[in-house]
C-alpha atoms as a PDB file:
ATOM      1  CA  MET A   1      34.038  23.467 -65.309  1.00  0.00           C
ATOM      2  CA  GLY A   2      30.779  21.471 -64.863  1.00  0.00           C
ATOM      3  CA  LEU A   3      30.446  18.833 -62.265  1.00  0.00           C
ATOM      4  CA  ARG A   4      31.418  15.385 -63.036  1.00  0.00           C
ATOM      5  CA  PRO A   5      28.026  13.438 -63.307  1.00  0.00           C
ATOM      6  CA  VAL A   6      26.850  10.154 -61.681  1.00  0.00           C
ATOM      7  CA  VAL A   7      24.323   8.213 -63.743  1.00  0.00           C
ATOM      8  CA  VAL A   8      21.662   5.833 -62.583  1.00  0.00           C
ATOM      9  CA  PHE A   9      19.931   3.404 -64.702  1.00  0.00           C
ATOM     10  CA  GLY A  10      16.714   1.492 -64.210  1.00  0.00           C
ATOM     11  CA  ILE A  11      13.685  -0.015 -65.626  1.00  0.00           C
ATOM     12  CA  LEU A  12      10.446   2.006 -65.317  1.00  0.00           C
ATOM     13  CA  GLU A  13       7.591  -0.030 -64.111  1.00  0.00           C
ATOM     14  CA  PRO A  14       4.561   0.377 -66.489  1.00  0.00           C
ATOM     15  CA  LEU A  15       1.632   2.616 -65.132  1.00  0.00           C
ATOM     16  CA  GLY A  16      -1.864   1.329 -65.619  1.00  0.00           C
ATOM     17  CA  ALA A  17      -2.132  -0.587 -68.869  1.00  0.00           C
ATOM     18  CA  TRP A  18       1.069  -2.375 -70.289  1.00  0.00           C
ATOM     19  CA  ALA A  19       2.970   0.254 -72.163  1.00  0.00           C
ATOM     20  CA  GLY A  20       6.630  -0.769 -72.249  1.00  0.00           C
ATOM     21  CA  PRO A  21       8.610  -1.349 -70.517  1.00  0.00           C
ATOM     22  CA  ALA A  22      10.653   1.964 -71.158  1.00  0.00           C
ATOM     23  CA  LEU A  23      14.145   2.333 -69.891  1.00  0.00           C
ATOM     24  CA  ARG A  24      15.088   5.506 -68.311  1.00  0.00           C
ATOM     25  CA  CYS A  25      18.601   6.755 -67.469  1.00  0.00           C
ATOM     26  CA  PHE A  26      18.890   9.728 -65.475  1.00  0.00           C
ATOM     27  CA  LYS A  27      21.491  12.089 -63.564  1.00  0.00           C
ATOM     28  CA  ARG A  28      20.842  14.602 -61.049  1.00  0.00           C
ATOM     29  CA  ASP A  29      23.203  17.081 -59.576  1.00  0.00           C
ATOM     30  CA  ASN A  30      22.801  17.927 -55.725  1.00  0.00           C
ATOM     31  CA  GLU A  31      25.230  20.737 -55.476  1.00  0.00           C
ATOM     32  CA  PRO A  32      24.212  24.289 -55.025  1.00  0.00           C
ATOM     33  CA  ILE A  33      22.607  25.655 -58.007  1.00  0.00           C
ATOM     34  CA  VAL A  34      24.529  28.080 -60.466  1.00  0.00           C
ATOM     35  CA  ASN A  35      22.922  29.691 -63.256  1.00  0.00           C
ATOM     36  CA  PRO A  36      23.636  27.767 -66.438  1.00  0.00           C
ATOM     37  CA  GLY A  37      24.839  29.666 -69.506  1.00  0.00           C
ATOM     38  CA  PRO A  38      23.515  29.419 -73.122  1.00  0.00           C
ATOM     39  CA  ASN A  39      26.449  27.380 -74.142  1.00  0.00           C
ATOM     40  CA  ILE A  40      25.302  24.228 -72.416  1.00  0.00           C
ATOM     41  CA  ALA A  41      21.975  23.963 -74.201  1.00  0.00           C
ATOM     42  CA  ALA A  42      23.854  24.478 -77.515  1.00  0.00           C
ATOM     43  CA  ALA A  43      26.452  21.976 -76.478  1.00  0.00           C
ATOM     44  CA  PHE A  44      23.369  19.556 -75.626  1.00  0.00           C
ATOM     45  CA  GLU A  45      22.016  19.951 -79.126  1.00  0.00           C
ATOM     46  CA  ARG A  46      25.390  19.619 -80.979  1.00  0.00           C
ATOM     47  CA  GLU A  47      26.139  16.465 -79.292  1.00  0.00           C
ATOM     48  CA  LEU A  48      22.867  14.951 -80.111  1.00  0.00           C
ATOM     49  CA  ASP A  49      23.437  15.666 -83.717  1.00  0.00           C
ATOM     50  CA  ALA A  50      26.881  14.250 -83.475  1.00  0.00           C
ATOM     51  CA  ILE A  51      25.631  10.950 -81.787  1.00  0.00           C
ATOM     52  CA  ALA A  52      22.922  10.558 -84.484  1.00  0.00           C
ATOM     53  CA  ARG A  53      25.613  10.849 -87.200  1.00  0.00           C
ATOM     54  CA  ASP A  54      28.037   8.460 -85.225  1.00  0.00           C
ATOM     55  CA  ALA A  55      28.547   5.111 -86.933  1.00  0.00           C
ATOM     56  CA  SER A  56      29.141   3.518 -83.547  1.00  0.00           C
ATOM     57  CA  PHE A  57      25.300   4.397 -82.882  1.00  0.00           C
ATOM     58  CA  ALA A  58      24.115   2.635 -86.310  1.00  0.00           C
ATOM     59  CA  GLY A  59      20.407   2.626 -86.238  1.00  0.00           C
ATOM     60  CA  LEU A  60      19.760   5.060 -83.468  1.00  0.00           C
ATOM     61  CA  GLU A  61      16.820   7.371 -83.704  1.00  0.00           C
ATOM     62  CA  ILE A  62      16.526  10.481 -81.712  1.00  0.00           C
ATOM     63  CA  VAL A  63      12.746  10.422 -81.522  1.00  0.00           C
ATOM     64  CA  GLN A  64      12.412  13.791 -79.531  1.00  0.00           C
ATOM     65  CA  TYR A  65      14.072  15.827 -77.202  1.00  0.00           C
ATOM     66  CA  ARG A  66      13.394  18.642 -74.807  1.00  0.00           C
ATOM     67  CA  THR A  67      15.261  21.334 -72.996  1.00  0.00           C
ATOM     68  CA  ARG A  68      13.664  23.409 -70.027  1.00  0.00           C
ATOM     69  CA  SER A  69      14.980  25.684 -67.170  1.00  0.00           C
ATOM     70  CA  SER A  70      13.702  25.531 -63.650  1.00  0.00           C
ATOM     71  CA  ARG A  71      15.083  27.455 -60.594  1.00  0.00           C
ATOM     72  CA  GLY A  72      18.473  27.926 -62.168  1.00  0.00           C
ATOM     73  CA  THR A  73      19.032  24.350 -63.365  1.00  0.00           C
ATOM     74  CA  ILE A  74      18.641  23.314 -66.918  1.00  0.00           C
ATOM     75  CA  ALA A  75      16.926  19.945 -67.690  1.00  0.00           C
ATOM     76  CA  PHE A  76      17.486  17.869 -70.644  1.00  0.00           C
ATOM     77  CA  SER A  77      15.373  14.834 -71.771  1.00  0.00           C
ATOM     78  CA  VAL A  78      15.932  12.674 -74.840  1.00  0.00           C
ATOM     79  CA  MET A  79      13.820   9.697 -76.101  1.00  0.00           C
ATOM     80  CA  ILE A  80      15.634   7.231 -78.269  1.00  0.00           C
ATOM     81  CA  ASP A  81      14.700   4.334 -80.462  1.00  0.00           C
ATOM     82  CA  ARG A  82      16.240   1.809 -82.776  1.00  0.00           C
ATOM     83  CA  PRO A  83      15.116  -1.281 -84.777  1.00  0.00           C
ATOM     84  CA  GLY A  84      14.309  -3.913 -82.245  1.00  0.00           C
ATOM     85  CA  GLY A  85      13.948  -1.411 -79.423  1.00  0.00           C
ATOM     86  CA  ALA A  86      16.420   0.518 -77.326  1.00  0.00           C
ATOM     87  CA  ASP A  87      17.984  -1.566 -74.551  1.00  0.00           C
ATOM     88  CA  LEU A  88      19.611  -0.459 -71.334  1.00  0.00           C
ATOM     89  CA  GLU A  89      23.085  -0.532 -72.754  1.00  0.00           C
ATOM     90  CA  LEU A  90      22.184   1.829 -75.569  1.00  0.00           C
ATOM     91  CA  CYS A  91      20.536   4.135 -72.999  1.00  0.00           C
ATOM     92  CA  GLU A  92      23.757   4.032 -71.019  1.00  0.00           C
ATOM     93  CA  ARG A  93      25.987   4.739 -73.811  1.00  0.00           C
ATOM     94  CA  VAL A  94      23.790   7.851 -74.973  1.00  0.00           C
ATOM     95  CA  ALA A  95      23.722   9.126 -71.520  1.00  0.00           C
ATOM     96  CA  ALA A  96      27.482   8.809 -70.900  1.00  0.00           C
ATOM     97  CA  ARG A  97      28.263  10.462 -74.062  1.00  0.00           C
ATOM     98  CA  LEU A  98      26.116  13.533 -73.197  1.00  0.00           C
ATOM     99  CA  ASN A  99      27.275  13.537 -69.679  1.00  0.00           C
ATOM    100  CA  THR A 100      30.916  13.833 -70.866  1.00  0.00           C
ATOM    101  CA  LYS A 101      30.157  16.808 -73.112  1.00  0.00           C
ATOM    102  CA  LEU A 102      27.802  18.641 -70.717  1.00  0.00           C
ATOM    103  CA  GLY A 103      30.139  18.186 -67.850  1.00  0.00           C
ATOM    104  CA  GLU A 104      32.532  20.411 -69.799  1.00  0.00           C
ATOM    105  CA  GLN A 105      30.151  23.181 -69.484  1.00  0.00           C
ATOM    106  CA  GLU A 106      29.374  25.651 -66.733  1.00  0.00           C
ATOM    107  CA  GLY A 107      26.105  25.275 -64.817  1.00  0.00           C
ATOM    108  CA  ASN A 108      24.108  22.549 -63.025  1.00  0.00           C
ATOM    109  CA  TYR A 109      21.954  20.391 -65.229  1.00  0.00           C
ATOM    110  CA  ALA A 110      19.823  17.292 -65.039  1.00  0.00           C
ATOM    111  CA  LEU A 111      19.771  14.770 -67.819  1.00  0.00           C
ATOM    112  CA  GLU A 112      17.252  12.098 -68.607  1.00  0.00           C
ATOM    113  CA  VAL A 113      17.599   9.596 -71.349  1.00  0.00           C
ATOM    114  CA  GLU A 114      14.814   6.947 -72.056  1.00  0.00           C
ATOM    115  CA  SER A 115      13.731   4.535 -74.837  1.00  0.00           C
ATOM    116  CA  ALA A 116      10.527   5.175 -76.779  1.00  0.00           C
ATOM    117  CA  GLY A 117       9.007   1.905 -75.622  1.00  0.00           C
ATOM    118  CA  LEU A 118       6.398  -0.050 -77.059  1.00  0.00           C
ATOM    119  CA  ASP A 119       3.976   2.819 -77.085  1.00  0.00           C
ATOM    120  CA  ARG A 120       6.349   5.188 -78.746  1.00  0.00           C
ATOM    121  CA  PRO A 121       4.938   8.466 -80.110  1.00  0.00           C
ATOM    122  CA  LEU A 122       4.395   9.129 -83.766  1.00  0.00           C
ATOM    123  CA  LEU A 123       5.434  12.868 -84.319  1.00  0.00           C
ATOM    124  CA  ARG A 124       6.329  13.055 -87.867  1.00  0.00           C
ATOM    125  CA  PRO A 125       4.240  12.517 -91.165  1.00  0.00           C
ATOM    126  CA  ALA A 126       7.018   9.763 -92.147  1.00  0.00           C
ATOM    127  CA  ASP A 127       6.009   7.798 -88.855  1.00  0.00           C
ATOM    128  CA  TYR A 128       2.554   7.174 -90.189  1.00  0.00           C
ATOM    129  CA  GLU A 129       4.035   5.254 -93.211  1.00  0.00           C
ATOM    130  CA  ARG A 130       6.740   3.768 -91.399  1.00  0.00           C
ATOM    131  CA  PHE A 131       4.471   2.060 -88.849  1.00  0.00           C
ATOM    132  CA  ALA A 132       1.680   1.185 -91.143  1.00  0.00           C
ATOM    133  CA  GLY A 133       0.013  -2.015 -90.044  1.00  0.00           C
ATOM    134  CA  SER A 134       0.660  -1.148 -86.411  1.00  0.00           C
ATOM    135  CA  THR A 135      -2.213  -0.646 -83.717  1.00  0.00           C
ATOM    136  CA  VAL A 136      -2.299   3.024 -82.726  1.00  0.00           C
ATOM    137  CA  ARG A 137      -4.170   5.276 -80.550  1.00  0.00           C
ATOM    138  CA  ILE A 138      -4.699   8.930 -81.999  1.00  0.00           C
ATOM    139  CA  VAL A 139      -6.169  11.796 -80.081  1.00  0.00           C
ATOM    140  CA  THR A 140      -7.514  14.705 -82.160  1.00  0.00           C
ATOM    141  CA  THR A 141      -8.406  18.218 -81.137  1.00  0.00           C
ATOM    142  CA  LEU A 142     -11.555  18.196 -83.000  1.00  0.00           C
ATOM    143  CA  THR A 143     -14.393  15.662 -82.839  1.00  0.00           C
ATOM    144  CA  VAL A 144     -14.106  13.169 -85.717  1.00  0.00           C
ATOM    145  CA  ASP A 145     -16.655  10.440 -86.371  1.00  0.00           C
ATOM    146  CA  GLY A 146     -18.248  11.105 -83.069  1.00  0.00           C
ATOM    147  CA  GLY A 147     -15.077  11.116 -80.892  1.00  0.00           C
ATOM    148  CA  LYS A 148     -11.564  12.487 -80.114  1.00  0.00           C
ATOM    149  CA  THR A 149      -9.860   9.257 -79.208  1.00  0.00           C
ATOM    150  CA  HIS A 150      -9.373   6.811 -81.979  1.00  0.00           C
ATOM    151  CA  ARG A 151      -7.968   3.295 -82.002  1.00  0.00           C
ATOM    152  CA  GLY A 152      -7.291   1.086 -84.982  1.00  0.00           C
ATOM    153  CA  THR A 153      -4.726  -0.387 -87.319  1.00  0.00           C
ATOM    154  CA  LEU A 154      -2.432   2.234 -88.896  1.00  0.00           C
ATOM    155  CA  ARG A 155      -2.952   2.607 -92.783  1.00  0.00           C
ATOM    156  CA  GLY A 156      -0.480   5.235 -93.483  1.00  0.00           C
ATOM    157  CA  LEU A 157      -1.117   8.562 -95.165  1.00  0.00           C
ATOM    158  CA  ARG A 158      -3.899   9.729 -97.500  1.00  0.00           C
ATOM    159  CA  GLY A 159      -2.889  12.988 -98.703  1.00  0.00           C
ATOM    160  CA  GLU A 160      -3.006  15.466 -95.693  1.00  0.00           C
ATOM    161  CA  ALA A 161      -4.818  12.720 -93.353  1.00  0.00           C
ATOM    162  CA  VAL A 162      -3.806   9.827 -91.430  1.00  0.00           C
ATOM    163  CA  ALA A 163      -5.779   6.549 -92.366  1.00  0.00           C
ATOM    164  CA  ILE A 164      -6.626   4.150 -89.624  1.00  0.00           C
ATOM    165  CA  GLU A 165      -8.848   1.014 -89.926  1.00  0.00           C
ATOM    166  CA  ASN A 166     -11.400   0.013 -87.207  1.00  0.00           C
ATOM    167  CA  GLU A 167     -14.598  -2.273 -87.004  1.00  0.00           C
ATOM    168  CA  ARG A 168     -16.350   0.427 -88.810  1.00  0.00           C
ATOM    169  CA  GLY A 169     -13.957   0.598 -91.684  1.00  0.00           C
ATOM    170  CA  GLU A 170     -11.241   3.137 -92.806  1.00  0.00           C
ATOM    171  CA  LEU A 171     -11.142   6.542 -91.008  1.00  0.00           C
ATOM    172  CA  LEU A 172      -9.409   9.634 -92.107  1.00  0.00           C
ATOM    173  CA  LEU A 173      -7.979  11.917 -89.495  1.00  0.00           C
ATOM    174  CA  PRO A 174      -6.480  15.231 -90.676  1.00  0.00           C
ATOM    175  CA  ILE A 175      -3.014  15.726 -89.562  1.00  0.00           C
ATOM    176  CA  ALA A 176      -3.839  19.147 -88.516  1.00  0.00           C
ATOM    177  CA  THR A 177      -6.215  18.004 -85.979  1.00  0.00           C
ATOM    178  CA  ILE A 178      -3.935  15.426 -84.441  1.00  0.00           C
ATOM    179  CA  LYS A 179      -3.037  16.292 -80.698  1.00  0.00           C
ATOM    180  CA  SER A 180      -1.050  13.064 -79.871  1.00  0.00           C
ATOM    181  CA  ALA A 181      -0.448   9.686 -81.651  1.00  0.00           C
ATOM    182  CA  ASN A 182       1.150   6.586 -80.169  1.00  0.00           C
ATOM    183  CA  LEU A 183       1.705   2.983 -81.074  1.00  0.00           C
ATOM    184  CA  GLU A 184      -0.588   0.940 -78.898  1.00  0.00           C
ATOM    185  CA  TYR A 185       0.666  -2.528 -77.517  1.00  0.00           C
ATOM    186  CA  ASP A 186      -1.960  -5.319 -77.286  1.00  0.00           C
ATOM    187  CA  PRO A 187      -0.413  -8.261 -75.150  1.00  0.00           C
ATOM    188  CA  ARG A 188      -3.653 -10.498 -76.417  1.00  0.00           C
ATOM    189  CA  ALA A 189      -2.083 -10.106 -79.977  1.00  0.00           C
ATOM    190  CA  ASP A 190       1.247 -11.521 -78.796  1.00  0.00           C
ATOM    191  CA  LEU A 191      -0.638 -14.410 -76.885  1.00  0.00           C
ATOM    192  CA  ARG A 192      -2.698 -15.197 -80.254  1.00  0.00           C
ATOM    193  CA  ARG A 193       0.467 -15.312 -82.201  1.00  0.00           C
ATOM    194  CA  ASP A 194       2.316 -17.379 -79.842  1.00  0.00           C
ATOM    195  CA  LYS A 195      -0.616 -19.881 -79.630  1.00  0.00           C
ATOM    196  CA  LEU A 196      -0.826 -20.057 -83.347  1.00  0.00           C
ATOM    197  CA  LEU A 197       2.861 -20.691 -83.739  1.00  0.00           C
ATOM    198  CA  ARG A 198       2.818 -23.446 -81.162  1.00  0.00           C
ATOM    199  CA  LYS A 199      -0.066 -25.024 -82.883  1.00  0.00           C
ATOM    200  CA  GLN A 200       1.666 -24.776 -86.169  1.00  0.00           C
ATOM    201  CA  SER A 201       4.738 -26.314 -84.527  1.00  0.00           C
ATOM    202  CA  ASN A 202       2.983 -29.201 -83.125  1.00  0.00           C
ATOM    203  CA  GLY A 203       1.321 -29.987 -86.533  1.00  0.00           C
ATOM    204  CA  ASN A 204       4.685 -30.101 -88.119  1.00  0.00           C
ATOM    205  CA  ILE A 205       5.912 -32.639 -85.592  1.00  0.00           C
ATOM    206  CA  ARG A 206       2.975 -34.864 -86.160  1.00  0.00           C
ATOM    207  CA  LYS A 207       3.512 -34.816 -89.814  1.00  0.00           C
ATOM    208  CA  ARG A 208       7.023 -35.857 -89.459  1.00  0.00           C
ATOM    209  CA  ASN A 209       6.074 -38.792 -87.174  1.00  0.00           C
END
């Protein structure tokens, strides 16, 4: 049988520009390494599918997951999200559920569960429609409009291209050329919005007086 896991939870400090915070839950085995069998990877994928269908995890999205082997240990990583963001409690529940299933299998493993954060990746065509109106950063493999890094407001799909709007107008980026795409959080926009809300609130108070 597998080892009973110990799970540690924490908040990652953002590196460089503000990009989160993202929450990361992780588990590490410190016992001697044994060769993991193929069943543990299959169990991981089955349990992810079960979690995604479980009504008690309503709203949960498995953004992406990865399985990789290194020196006899298999490492699993999962990125999750839900409307309003994935909090520490949700990370903890997903990690605990996965650890319970993986602990029944033979072999050492490492498990990491993290929230998508405010800079979540856009991985599927549907993401470009879902997050239309958001600020994004898209990197292309080919030079488009004089560059490979493009920032602007996401405007959805135009056929086989992603449309973003920047100071020069609308730019179409063929999906086939996109290397990476992420939401980009701008704290200045939040400050401007808060300032506007305070101004409107003060104006309403003066009108009542």
